[in-house]
Protein backbone atom coordinates (compact mmCIF):
# COMPACT_ATOMS: atom_id res chain seq x y z
CA MET A 1 100.44 67.02 44.95
CA GLU A 2 99.44 68.61 48.22
CA LYS A 3 102.82 67.65 49.74
CA GLN A 4 104.68 69.26 46.87
CA SER A 5 102.88 72.56 47.39
CA GLN A 6 104.21 72.88 50.93
CA ALA A 7 107.22 75.12 51.45
CA LYS A 8 110.39 73.13 51.91
CA GLN A 9 112.38 73.60 55.10
CA ASN A 10 116.10 74.22 54.97
CA ILE A 11 118.28 71.37 56.24
CA THR A 12 121.99 72.15 56.36
CA ALA A 13 124.33 69.24 57.05
CA LEU A 14 128.05 69.49 57.88
CA TYR A 15 130.61 67.04 56.55
CA ILE A 16 134.36 66.47 56.28
CA PRO A 17 136.03 65.48 52.96
CA LEU A 18 136.24 61.73 53.68
CA ALA A 19 134.95 58.48 52.22
CA ASP A 20 132.99 58.39 55.50
CA HIS A 21 130.66 61.04 54.13
CA TYR A 22 130.31 60.02 50.48
CA ALA A 23 126.63 59.14 50.99
CA ALA A 24 125.91 62.78 51.82
CA LEU A 25 127.42 63.90 48.51
CA VAL A 26 125.44 61.30 46.57
CA ALA A 27 122.20 62.19 48.36
CA TYR A 28 122.77 65.87 47.62
CA GLU A 29 123.55 65.41 43.92
CA LYS A 30 121.03 62.68 43.10
CA TYR A 31 118.08 63.31 45.37
CA ARG A 32 117.82 66.87 46.63
CA GLU A 33 115.43 67.78 43.80
CA GLN A 34 113.20 64.83 44.71
CA MET A 35 112.83 65.88 48.32
CA LEU A 36 109.35 67.11 49.19
CA TYR A 37 110.01 68.49 52.65
CA ALA A 38 113.73 69.31 52.78
CA ASP A 39 115.69 72.02 51.00
CA PHE A 40 118.90 70.04 51.51
CA HIS A 41 122.31 71.72 51.69
CA ILE A 42 125.73 70.32 52.56
CA LYS A 43 128.62 72.36 53.90
CA GLN A 44 132.19 71.11 53.92
CA MET A 45 134.29 71.70 57.03
CA GLN A 46 138.08 71.43 56.93
CA SER A 47 138.59 70.30 60.53
CA TRP A 48 136.66 68.46 63.19
CA ASP A 49 136.96 71.27 65.71
CA LEU A 50 135.50 73.70 63.18
CA LEU A 51 132.66 71.28 62.47
CA ARG A 52 132.00 70.91 66.20
CA ALA A 53 131.86 74.67 66.73
CA TYR A 54 129.75 75.27 63.63
CA PHE A 55 127.26 72.57 64.57
CA GLN A 56 126.82 74.10 68.02
CA SER A 57 125.99 77.41 66.33
CA GLU A 58 122.50 78.02 65.00
CA TYR A 59 123.53 77.60 61.37
CA ALA A 60 123.38 73.80 60.98
CA ASP A 61 120.69 71.19 61.49
CA MET A 62 122.71 68.02 60.98
CA ALA A 63 126.31 66.86 61.16
CA PHE A 64 128.19 63.70 60.33
CA VAL A 65 130.62 63.08 63.18
CA MET A 66 133.03 60.40 64.42
CA SER A 67 131.28 58.56 67.22
CA PRO A 68 133.72 59.33 70.13
CA LEU A 69 133.70 63.03 69.24
CA ALA A 70 129.90 62.96 68.98
CA MET A 71 129.65 61.38 72.44
CA ASP A 72 132.05 63.97 73.87
CA MET A 73 129.87 66.71 72.36
CA PHE A 74 126.84 65.10 73.99
CA LEU A 75 128.59 65.12 77.39
CA GLU A 76 129.11 68.85 76.90
CA LYS A 77 125.62 69.73 75.72
CA GLU A 78 122.61 67.48 75.20
CA ASN A 79 120.89 69.51 72.50
CA PHE A 80 121.09 66.98 69.66
CA ARG A 81 120.42 63.31 69.03
CA TRP A 82 121.86 60.40 67.06
CA ILE A 83 119.59 59.21 64.23
CA GLY A 84 121.72 56.84 62.15
CA LEU A 85 125.07 55.76 60.77
CA MET A 86 126.92 57.23 57.80
CA HIS A 87 128.98 54.09 57.21
CA ARG A 88 130.72 51.18 58.93
CA ASP A 89 134.47 50.48 59.11
CA GLY A 90 136.42 52.81 56.83
CA ASN A 91 139.80 53.81 58.27
CA ALA A 92 143.31 52.49 57.98
CA LEU A 93 146.87 52.76 59.24
CA ALA A 94 149.40 54.11 56.75
CA ILE A 95 153.14 53.83 57.38
CA ASN A 96 156.20 55.24 55.67
CA GLU A 97 159.26 53.42 54.33
CA ALA A 98 161.17 53.62 57.63
CA ILE A 99 158.52 51.45 59.32
CA LYS A 100 157.82 49.28 56.30
CA GLN A 101 161.46 48.14 56.22
CA LYS A 102 160.98 46.53 59.65
CA VAL A 103 157.95 44.40 58.75
CA LYS A 104 156.71 42.08 56.05
CA LEU A 105 153.68 43.45 54.25
CA ALA A 106 151.62 41.29 51.92
CA ASN A 107 151.73 42.53 48.34
CA GLU A 108 147.95 42.80 48.12
CA ARG A 109 146.22 45.12 50.54
CA GLN A 110 143.38 42.77 51.44
CA TYR A 111 145.91 40.42 53.06
CA ARG A 112 147.54 43.04 55.28
CA LYS A 113 146.51 42.49 58.88
CA PRO A 114 147.29 44.04 62.28
CA THR A 115 150.24 41.99 63.55
CA ALA A 116 152.36 41.84 66.68
CA GLU A 117 155.38 42.29 64.40
CA LEU A 118 154.15 45.72 63.33
CA ALA A 119 153.29 46.84 66.87
CA LEU A 120 156.76 45.78 68.08
CA ALA A 121 158.47 47.53 65.16
CA ILE A 122 156.66 50.76 65.97
CA LYS A 123 157.69 50.47 69.62
CA GLN A 124 161.33 49.75 68.79
CA LEU A 125 161.58 52.58 66.25
CA SER A 126 160.02 54.96 68.75
CA TYR A 127 162.75 54.25 71.31
CA LYS A 128 165.47 54.99 68.75
CA GLN A 129 164.13 58.56 68.41
CA ILE A 130 164.57 61.52 70.74
CA ARG A 131 160.80 61.82 71.08
CA PRO A 132 158.17 59.08 70.95
CA LEU A 133 157.03 58.15 67.46
CA GLU A 134 154.02 60.26 66.48
CA ILE A 135 150.99 58.77 64.78
CA ALA A 136 148.60 61.29 63.24
CA VAL A 137 144.86 60.95 63.71
CA PRO A 138 142.10 63.31 62.56
CA HIS A 139 141.22 64.17 66.15
CA ILE A 140 142.14 62.83 69.58
CA LYS A 141 138.46 62.00 70.19
CA SER A 142 138.14 59.84 67.11
CA THR A 143 137.31 56.25 66.33
CA HIS A 144 140.78 56.16 64.80
CA THR A 145 142.31 56.70 68.24
CA VAL A 146 140.09 53.93 69.61
CA VAL A 147 141.32 51.57 66.88
CA LEU A 148 144.96 52.47 67.56
CA TYR A 149 144.47 52.03 71.30
CA LYS A 150 143.03 48.55 70.83
CA PHE A 151 145.75 47.51 68.36
CA LEU A 152 148.69 48.81 70.38
CA SER A 153 147.48 47.96 73.88
CA GLN A 154 146.90 44.32 73.04
CA HIS A 155 150.62 44.17 72.17
CA ASN A 156 151.72 46.09 75.30
CA VAL A 157 152.50 49.30 73.45
CA ARG A 158 151.51 52.36 75.49
CA LEU A 159 149.61 55.10 73.68
CA GLY A 160 149.70 58.67 74.97
CA PHE A 161 148.18 62.06 74.22
CA ASP A 162 149.73 65.54 74.25
CA ASN A 163 152.88 65.54 76.37
CA GLN A 164 152.14 62.50 78.49
CA LYS A 165 155.31 60.84 79.76
CA ASN A 166 156.27 57.17 79.83
CA VAL A 167 154.49 56.34 76.60
CA ASP A 168 155.73 54.38 73.61
CA VAL A 169 153.73 56.21 70.94
CA ARG A 170 152.14 59.63 70.94
CA ILE A 171 148.97 60.63 69.14
CA ILE A 172 148.83 64.00 67.36
CA ASP A 173 145.97 65.80 65.64
CA VAL A 174 146.43 66.23 61.88
CA ALA A 175 143.55 67.18 59.60
CA PRO A 176 142.76 64.36 57.13
CA THR A 177 143.66 66.50 54.11
CA LEU A 178 147.10 67.20 55.60
CA ALA A 179 147.89 63.63 56.66
CA PRO A 180 149.71 62.67 53.42
CA LEU A 181 151.89 65.78 53.78
CA HIS A 182 152.71 64.70 57.34
CA ILE A 183 153.99 61.36 56.06
CA LYS A 184 156.00 63.07 53.30
CA ALA A 185 157.55 65.64 55.63
CA GLN A 186 158.61 63.06 58.19
CA SER A 187 159.97 60.75 55.49
CA ASN A 188 162.05 63.58 54.02
CA ARG A 189 163.67 63.99 57.45
CA GLY A 190 164.32 60.26 57.75
CA ILE A 191 161.84 59.88 60.61
CA ALA A 192 159.52 56.91 61.07
CA ALA A 193 155.96 58.11 60.67
CA ALA A 194 152.42 56.82 60.41
CA PHE A 195 148.85 58.00 60.38
CA GLU A 196 145.51 56.41 61.12
CA GLN A 197 142.95 58.21 58.99
CA SER A 198 139.68 57.68 57.18
CA LEU A 199 139.66 56.45 53.63
CA PRO A 200 140.73 57.26 51.06
CA TRP A 201 143.73 59.04 52.60
CA ALA A 202 145.68 55.85 53.34
CA ASP A 203 145.02 54.75 49.77
CA VAL A 204 146.12 58.18 48.52
CA VAL A 205 149.48 57.57 50.19
CA GLU A 206 149.93 54.16 48.60
CA THR A 207 148.63 55.06 45.15
CA GLY A 208 150.84 58.17 45.32
CA GLY A 209 153.92 56.06 46.01
CA PHE A 210 155.07 57.58 49.30
CA GLY A 211 153.64 55.22 51.89
CA TYR A 212 151.84 51.95 52.53
CA VAL A 213 148.56 50.76 53.95
CA ALA A 214 149.49 48.56 56.92
CA TRP A 215 145.99 47.40 57.92
CA TYR A 216 142.33 48.39 57.83
CA SER A 217 140.25 49.15 60.91
CA LYS A 218 137.74 46.36 60.20
CA ASP A 219 140.41 43.85 61.23
CA VAL A 220 141.13 45.61 64.54
CA LEU A 221 137.57 46.43 65.63
CA ALA A 222 135.79 43.39 64.28
CA TRP A 223 132.01 43.76 64.54
CA PRO A 224 129.01 42.15 62.76
CA LYS A 225 128.22 44.19 59.63
CA GLY A 226 131.23 46.47 60.37
CA HIS A 227 132.13 48.67 63.31
CA VAL A 228 130.37 51.96 64.02
CA GLU A 229 132.28 54.97 62.69
CA CYS A 230 130.75 58.31 61.68
CA ILE A 231 127.19 58.85 62.81
CA THR A 232 124.41 61.26 61.87
CA LEU A 233 123.49 63.90 64.43
CA VAL A 234 120.51 66.25 64.35
CA LYS A 235 119.65 69.17 66.58
CA ASP A 236 116.72 68.71 68.95
CA ASP A 237 115.22 71.92 67.62
CA SER A 238 115.35 70.60 64.04
CA VAL A 239 113.71 67.31 65.09
CA LEU A 240 110.93 69.29 66.76
CA HIS A 241 110.31 71.91 64.09
CA LYS A 242 111.52 70.19 60.88
CA THR A 243 110.47 66.62 61.59
CA GLN A 244 109.47 65.51 58.09
CA ALA A 245 112.46 67.23 56.49
CA VAL A 246 114.87 65.50 58.88
CA LEU A 247 113.23 62.11 58.27
CA GLU A 248 113.39 62.64 54.53
CA VAL A 249 117.08 63.53 54.49
CA ASN A 250 117.95 60.57 56.70
CA ARG A 251 116.05 58.19 54.42
CA PHE A 252 117.77 59.55 51.31
CA LEU A 253 121.16 59.20 53.01
CA ARG A 254 120.41 55.49 53.42
CA LYS A 255 119.27 55.31 49.79
CA ALA A 256 122.50 57.00 48.69
CA GLY A 257 124.44 54.43 50.72
CA ASP A 258 122.62 51.67 48.81
CA ASP A 259 123.52 53.41 45.54
CA ILE A 260 127.21 53.39 46.46
CA GLU A 261 127.04 49.72 47.40
CA GLN A 262 125.40 48.80 44.09
CA ALA A 263 127.87 50.91 42.09
CA ARG A 264 130.92 49.37 43.73
CA MET A 265 129.64 45.87 42.93
CA LYS A 266 128.65 46.63 39.33
CA GLY A 267 131.52 48.94 38.39
CA GLY A 268 131.45 50.56 34.95
CA VAL A 269 129.26 53.59 34.33
CA GLU A 270 127.51 53.41 37.71
CA LEU A 271 130.81 53.55 39.58
CA ASP A 272 132.07 56.31 37.28
CA ASP A 273 129.01 58.38 38.17
CA ILE A 274 129.72 57.98 41.90
CA VAL A 275 133.39 58.89 41.39
CA ASP A 276 132.37 62.01 39.43
CA ILE A 277 130.03 63.11 42.24
CA ILE A 278 132.75 62.64 44.84
CA ARG A 279 135.41 64.48 42.85
CA LYS A 280 133.03 67.38 42.19
CA HIS A 281 132.98 68.07 45.93
CA ILE A 282 136.36 66.63 46.97
CA PRO A 283 138.80 67.01 44.05
CA ALA A 284 141.73 66.06 46.34
CA HIS A 285 140.45 62.46 46.28
CA ASN A 286 142.02 61.03 43.15
CA ARG A 287 140.11 58.51 41.08
CA ASP A 288 142.44 55.59 41.86
CA ALA A 289 142.20 56.17 45.62
CA ILE A 290 138.39 56.42 45.53
CA ILE A 291 138.09 53.19 43.54
CA ALA A 292 140.59 51.45 45.84
CA SER A 293 138.64 52.57 48.91
CA LEU A 294 135.34 51.36 47.45
CA SER A 295 136.75 48.06 46.19
CA PRO A 296 134.30 45.21 46.86
CA HIS A 297 137.29 42.87 47.10
CA LEU A 298 138.83 44.86 49.94
CA ASN A 299 135.43 45.60 51.52
CA VAL A 300 137.05 48.01 53.99
CA ILE A 301 134.16 50.45 54.22
CA ASN A 302 130.48 49.80 53.77
CA TYR A 303 127.28 51.81 53.58
CA GLN A 304 124.89 49.02 54.54
CA ASP A 305 122.73 48.76 57.65
CA LEU A 306 122.91 52.46 58.49
CA ASN A 307 120.23 52.35 61.15
CA ILE A 308 121.16 52.97 64.78
CA ASP A 309 123.41 50.26 66.27
CA LYS A 310 123.38 50.74 70.05
CA ALA A 311 125.53 47.72 70.87
CA GLY A 312 128.07 48.78 68.25
CA LEU A 313 128.27 52.27 69.72
CA GLU A 314 128.60 50.84 73.23
CA MET A 315 131.72 48.95 72.13
CA ILE A 316 133.28 52.18 70.84
CA MET A 317 132.27 53.97 74.06
CA THR A 318 133.79 51.28 76.28
CA TYR A 319 137.18 51.49 74.57
CA SER A 320 136.98 55.30 74.50
CA VAL A 321 136.52 55.49 78.27
CA ARG A 322 139.21 52.87 78.89
CA ALA A 323 141.72 54.78 76.73
CA GLY A 324 140.90 58.15 78.28
CA ILE A 325 139.39 59.50 75.06
CA LEU A 326 136.05 60.03 76.83
CA ALA A 327 135.87 61.30 80.41
CA LYS A 328 132.89 59.08 81.19
CA PRO A 329 130.16 57.04 79.48
CA ILE A 330 127.02 58.60 78.05
CA ASN A 331 123.45 57.32 78.28
CA ILE A 332 123.07 55.73 74.85
CA GLU A 333 119.31 55.36 75.26
CA GLU A 334 119.02 59.14 75.73
CA PHE A 335 121.46 59.80 72.87
CA ALA A 336 119.74 57.57 70.30
CA LEU A 337 116.57 58.66 68.52
CA GLU A 338 115.10 55.93 66.36
CA GLU A 339 112.93 56.81 63.39
CA GLY A 340 109.66 55.68 64.94
CA GLU A 341 110.24 57.94 67.93
CA TYR A 342 109.96 61.20 66.02
CA GLU A 343 107.72 60.47 63.03
């Protein structure tokens, strides 16, 4: 009872409307009233650059950020730390009809894999256009770009940024919410187009009937328990002055992840409750796309083992530096803050 009498401390966390951040929505809706130390708030950002700027202001304690972008932020200013994962795996390549005609896709999504045939088709279509084929990602400094780099480079397809010359494919920034419109617009002009985005946007394209999921990131960046994707960041000042509140929120995020995992396996009312929570905050995610993204048969995103994974982050960092996404490596030991280190 003594704990409950203490004044709660405000914890504001920033998120993007993605399946990556569903655990934050579940934690907010199911557990904020149970929190003894944290007055937990979530704030939706519509772009990664806005989230980055907002987090560096004094108005947010936590943020859920793609790992390459988080490392780039750390290179710029070491005033925050990494305290956990939000999920593993969780993004996919979507292609339009112009690309799909050049490859054989399995009817069922779980059997669609990253193939040399697809990489070659993308390269060949790109050379038939005036400009290199553009693949949309949520941000240049994203895990999505890392995944694309690994997929394309292993098939000798050169990936470039901005106006780099002598490239086969060019990456462009498109906000996740606008990615389906990008596919539609390019398709209407008869142009081959693709995007590599977080779930459920690739599933939105397929369930909406104007594109196809080509592969899921888990099959490109294979890693035990799933590759590192979005991670949880917390300001140093919040760790110092709001220690118990930060710990509490992080623990409830992991509990919310467990809830999602149980719901996706059981289905029925439990899954309906999760879908309702998600659609309350992100109505653009239709029910079919959410359920497809959370399918236990596909298993293309997971919310298990959300503790710090240093080796998993090092793999992402290595590819990021090699691709030119990161200017240089970071010190992961300095970046990571495990729970026992700040209790």
